[in-house]
Amino acid sequence: MSAVKFIGCLHFGHKWMAQLRGFQDEFYHDEHLIEEWNKVVHKKDLTYILGDITMETPDHYYQLDRLKGRKIVVLGNHDRHQDIKELLGYVDGVSGMIDYKGFILTHSPIHPNEISFCSGNIHAHIHHTNKLEEVEITDRYGDNGGKKILTQNKYFNVDAHIVNYKPKTIDELLNQRIVDEI
């Protein structure tokens, strides 16, 4: 049986990110990421990569061929438009944002005013924390009689480092949220 999984901010070949994440260099970072990915992703699985495959270069796209399963990329701020054609040689699709079973898949977190319209936002981009602060907002158009909407527990950060370099299913993300709250 195939699974759908999520991860972002792979940053293949990015020396500074590798060091920030505690690796000797980008080679060790990339090898660790590939090894951990391949432990949990199977041939028929689909993984959504939520941006930042590399750091504004197609030079390391070849690493995607070493990752098991099918792959769809939601573009990040370091994925350049001019590289999309080459990227499509390594993945099954590229998008700007995806609605997946009521969850909005993006690279950067969506604005809190939009969170009430979905089950949650699976994103990457934020490298240092798994949680966004609770935000109280009014509805989308600011006319809801003063009712506040809480965004807490609707953001799921799948930055590669935060998910231990292993793509996660929605169930794993939801279960982790429950464990974090206990």
Protein backbone atom coordinates (compact mmCIF):
# COMPACT_ATOMS: atom_id res chain seq x y z
CA MET A 1 0.00 0.00 0.00
CA SER A 2 1.37 3.40 -0.93
CA ALA A 3 1.54 6.41 1.39
CA VAL A 4 1.58 10.18 0.94
CA LYS A 5 4.32 12.01 2.84
CA PHE A 6 5.63 15.53 3.32
CA ILE A 7 9.01 17.19 3.81
CA GLY A 8 10.61 20.48 2.82
CA CYS A 9 13.82 22.47 2.77
CA LEU A 10 16.11 19.71 1.55
CA HIS A 11 18.79 22.26 0.64
CA PHE A 12 20.95 19.78 -1.26
CA GLY A 13 24.51 21.03 -1.73
CA HIS A 14 24.06 23.98 0.62
CA LYS A 15 27.17 24.28 2.78
CA TRP A 16 25.85 26.89 5.22
CA MET A 17 22.60 24.98 5.86
CA ALA A 18 24.54 21.75 6.38
CA GLN A 19 26.70 23.42 9.02
CA LEU A 20 23.68 25.10 10.64
CA ARG A 21 22.10 21.65 10.94
CA GLY A 22 25.23 20.26 12.61
CA PHE A 23 26.90 18.44 9.71
CA GLN A 24 30.59 18.55 8.85
CA ASP A 25 29.74 19.67 5.32
CA GLU A 26 27.11 19.48 2.62
CA PHE A 27 28.23 16.01 1.48
CA TYR A 28 27.49 14.46 4.90
CA HIS A 29 24.25 16.41 5.13
CA ASP A 30 23.03 15.21 1.75
CA GLU A 31 24.01 11.60 2.38
CA HIS A 32 22.24 11.59 5.74
CA LEU A 33 19.09 13.09 4.23
CA ILE A 34 19.01 10.51 1.44
CA GLU A 35 19.61 7.64 3.86
CA GLU A 36 16.86 8.74 6.26
CA TRP A 37 14.38 9.43 3.44
CA ASN A 38 14.92 6.00 1.94
CA LYS A 39 14.30 4.31 5.30
CA VAL A 40 10.66 5.46 5.32
CA VAL A 41 9.67 6.10 1.70
CA HIS A 42 8.84 3.18 -0.59
CA LYS A 43 8.79 2.93 -4.37
CA LYS A 44 5.05 3.64 -4.78
CA ASP A 45 4.84 6.36 -2.11
CA LEU A 46 4.23 9.97 -3.10
CA THR A 47 6.20 12.66 -1.28
CA TYR A 48 5.40 16.34 -1.50
CA ILE A 49 8.61 18.36 -1.18
CA LEU A 50 7.63 21.75 0.18
CA GLY A 51 10.29 23.91 -1.37
CA ASP A 52 13.98 24.69 -1.35
CA ILE A 53 15.40 21.66 -3.09
CA THR A 54 18.73 23.46 -3.33
CA MET A 55 19.99 27.01 -2.84
CA GLU A 56 19.11 28.65 -6.16
CA THR A 57 20.94 26.19 -8.39
CA PRO A 58 19.98 23.09 -10.36
CA ASP A 59 23.44 21.58 -9.77
CA HIS A 60 22.22 19.15 -7.11
CA TYR A 61 18.88 18.08 -8.62
CA TYR A 62 20.47 14.75 -9.52
CA GLN A 63 20.21 13.85 -5.82
CA LEU A 64 16.44 13.61 -6.26
CA ASP A 65 16.98 10.47 -8.36
CA ARG A 66 18.51 8.83 -5.28
CA LEU A 67 15.31 9.34 -3.27
CA LYS A 68 12.70 6.57 -3.35
CA GLY A 69 9.15 7.16 -4.46
CA ARG A 70 7.35 9.68 -6.58
CA LYS A 71 7.90 13.37 -5.86
CA ILE A 72 5.91 16.57 -6.34
CA VAL A 73 7.53 19.90 -5.50
CA VAL A 74 5.79 22.96 -4.10
CA LEU A 75 8.23 25.69 -5.04
CA GLY A 76 10.10 27.56 -2.31
CA ASN A 77 11.82 30.91 -2.17
CA HIS A 78 15.13 29.34 -3.26
CA ASP A 79 13.67 27.38 -6.19
CA ARG A 80 14.18 29.52 -9.28
CA HIS A 81 11.64 29.82 -12.08
CA GLN A 82 14.30 29.37 -14.76
CA ASP A 83 15.21 25.94 -13.30
CA ILE A 84 11.71 24.42 -13.37
CA LYS A 85 12.15 22.74 -16.75
CA GLU A 86 15.25 20.92 -15.48
CA LEU A 87 13.61 20.12 -12.13
CA LEU A 88 10.75 18.41 -13.98
CA GLY A 89 13.29 15.87 -15.24
CA TYR A 90 13.62 14.60 -11.66
CA VAL A 91 10.11 14.96 -10.19
CA ASP A 92 6.53 14.16 -11.17
CA GLY A 93 5.24 17.70 -10.86
CA VAL A 94 5.81 21.26 -9.68
CA SER A 95 3.29 23.64 -8.16
CA GLY A 96 3.02 26.89 -6.22
CA MET A 97 0.47 25.71 -3.65
CA ILE A 98 -1.66 22.56 -3.34
CA ASP A 99 -4.90 21.76 -1.56
CA TYR A 100 -4.48 18.19 -0.33
CA LYS A 101 -7.54 16.75 1.44
CA GLY A 102 -8.29 20.10 3.07
CA PHE A 103 -4.67 20.79 4.06
CA ILE A 104 -2.91 23.61 2.24
CA LEU A 105 0.60 22.64 1.15
CA THR A 106 2.98 25.59 0.83
CA HIS A 107 6.61 26.40 1.30
CA SER A 108 6.09 29.41 3.58
CA PRO A 109 3.29 29.32 6.15
CA ILE A 110 0.04 30.85 4.92
CA HIS A 111 -1.36 33.97 6.50
CA PRO A 112 -3.39 33.35 9.69
CA ASN A 113 -6.48 34.89 8.05
CA GLU A 114 -6.53 31.93 5.64
CA ILE A 115 -6.06 29.15 8.19
CA SER A 116 -9.72 29.01 9.23
CA PHE A 117 -10.66 27.88 5.71
CA CYS A 118 -8.64 24.66 5.84
CA SER A 119 -7.78 21.72 8.07
CA GLY A 120 -4.25 23.01 8.43
CA ASN A 121 -1.16 24.27 6.66
CA ILE A 122 1.68 21.84 5.99
CA HIS A 123 4.70 23.99 5.23
CA ALA A 124 8.45 24.28 5.61
CA HIS A 125 10.61 27.43 5.38
CA ILE A 126 10.98 27.96 9.14
CA HIS A 127 14.14 26.09 10.07
CA HIS A 128 14.21 26.54 13.82
CA THR A 129 10.82 25.70 15.31
CA ASN A 130 7.99 23.27 14.86
CA LYS A 131 5.32 25.61 16.19
CA LEU A 132 4.00 28.99 15.23
CA GLU A 133 2.71 31.10 18.07
CA GLU A 134 -1.02 31.16 18.70
CA VAL A 135 -2.55 34.06 16.81
CA GLU A 136 -6.00 35.51 17.37
CA ILE A 137 -7.56 37.00 14.27
CA THR A 138 -10.91 38.10 13.02
CA ASP A 139 -12.45 36.38 10.06
CA ARG A 140 -11.19 36.86 6.50
CA TYR A 141 -12.98 40.17 5.94
CA GLY A 142 -12.82 41.50 9.49
CA ASP A 143 -16.58 41.35 9.96
CA ASN A 144 -17.48 38.55 12.33
CA GLY A 145 -18.97 40.39 15.29
CA GLY A 146 -15.70 40.33 17.23
CA LYS A 147 -15.38 36.52 17.19
CA LYS A 148 -11.75 35.45 17.30
CA ILE A 149 -10.29 32.54 15.35
CA LEU A 150 -7.38 30.66 16.91
CA THR A 151 -4.67 29.41 14.57
CA GLN A 152 -2.96 27.24 17.17
CA ASN A 153 -2.38 23.63 16.10
CA LYS A 154 -3.13 24.23 12.43
CA TYR A 155 0.46 24.73 11.23
CA PHE A 156 2.66 21.70 10.55
CA ASN A 157 6.32 22.46 9.81
CA VAL A 158 8.04 19.71 7.82
CA ASP A 159 11.46 21.33 7.44
CA ALA A 160 13.84 18.41 6.84
CA HIS A 161 15.78 19.03 10.05
CA ILE A 162 12.64 19.29 12.20
CA VAL A 163 11.24 15.97 10.90
CA ASN A 164 14.62 14.24 11.32
CA TYR A 165 15.10 14.06 7.53
CA LYS A 166 12.23 11.56 7.23
CA PRO A 167 9.12 12.53 5.26
CA LYS A 168 5.98 12.29 7.40
CA THR A 169 2.38 11.31 6.70
CA ILE A 170 -0.54 13.48 7.82
CA ASP A 171 -1.30 10.94 10.55
CA GLU A 172 2.27 11.15 11.82
CA LEU A 173 2.07 14.94 11.87
CA LEU A 174 -1.25 14.89 13.74
CA ASN A 175 -0.01 12.27 16.21
CA GLN A 176 3.15 14.28 16.86
CA ARG A 177 1.03 17.34 17.58
CA ILE A 178 -0.95 15.35 20.19
CA VAL A 179 2.29 14.13 21.83
CA ASP A 180 3.68 17.72 21.87
CA GLU A 181 0.56 18.92 23.71
CA ILE A 182 0.76 16.29 26.49
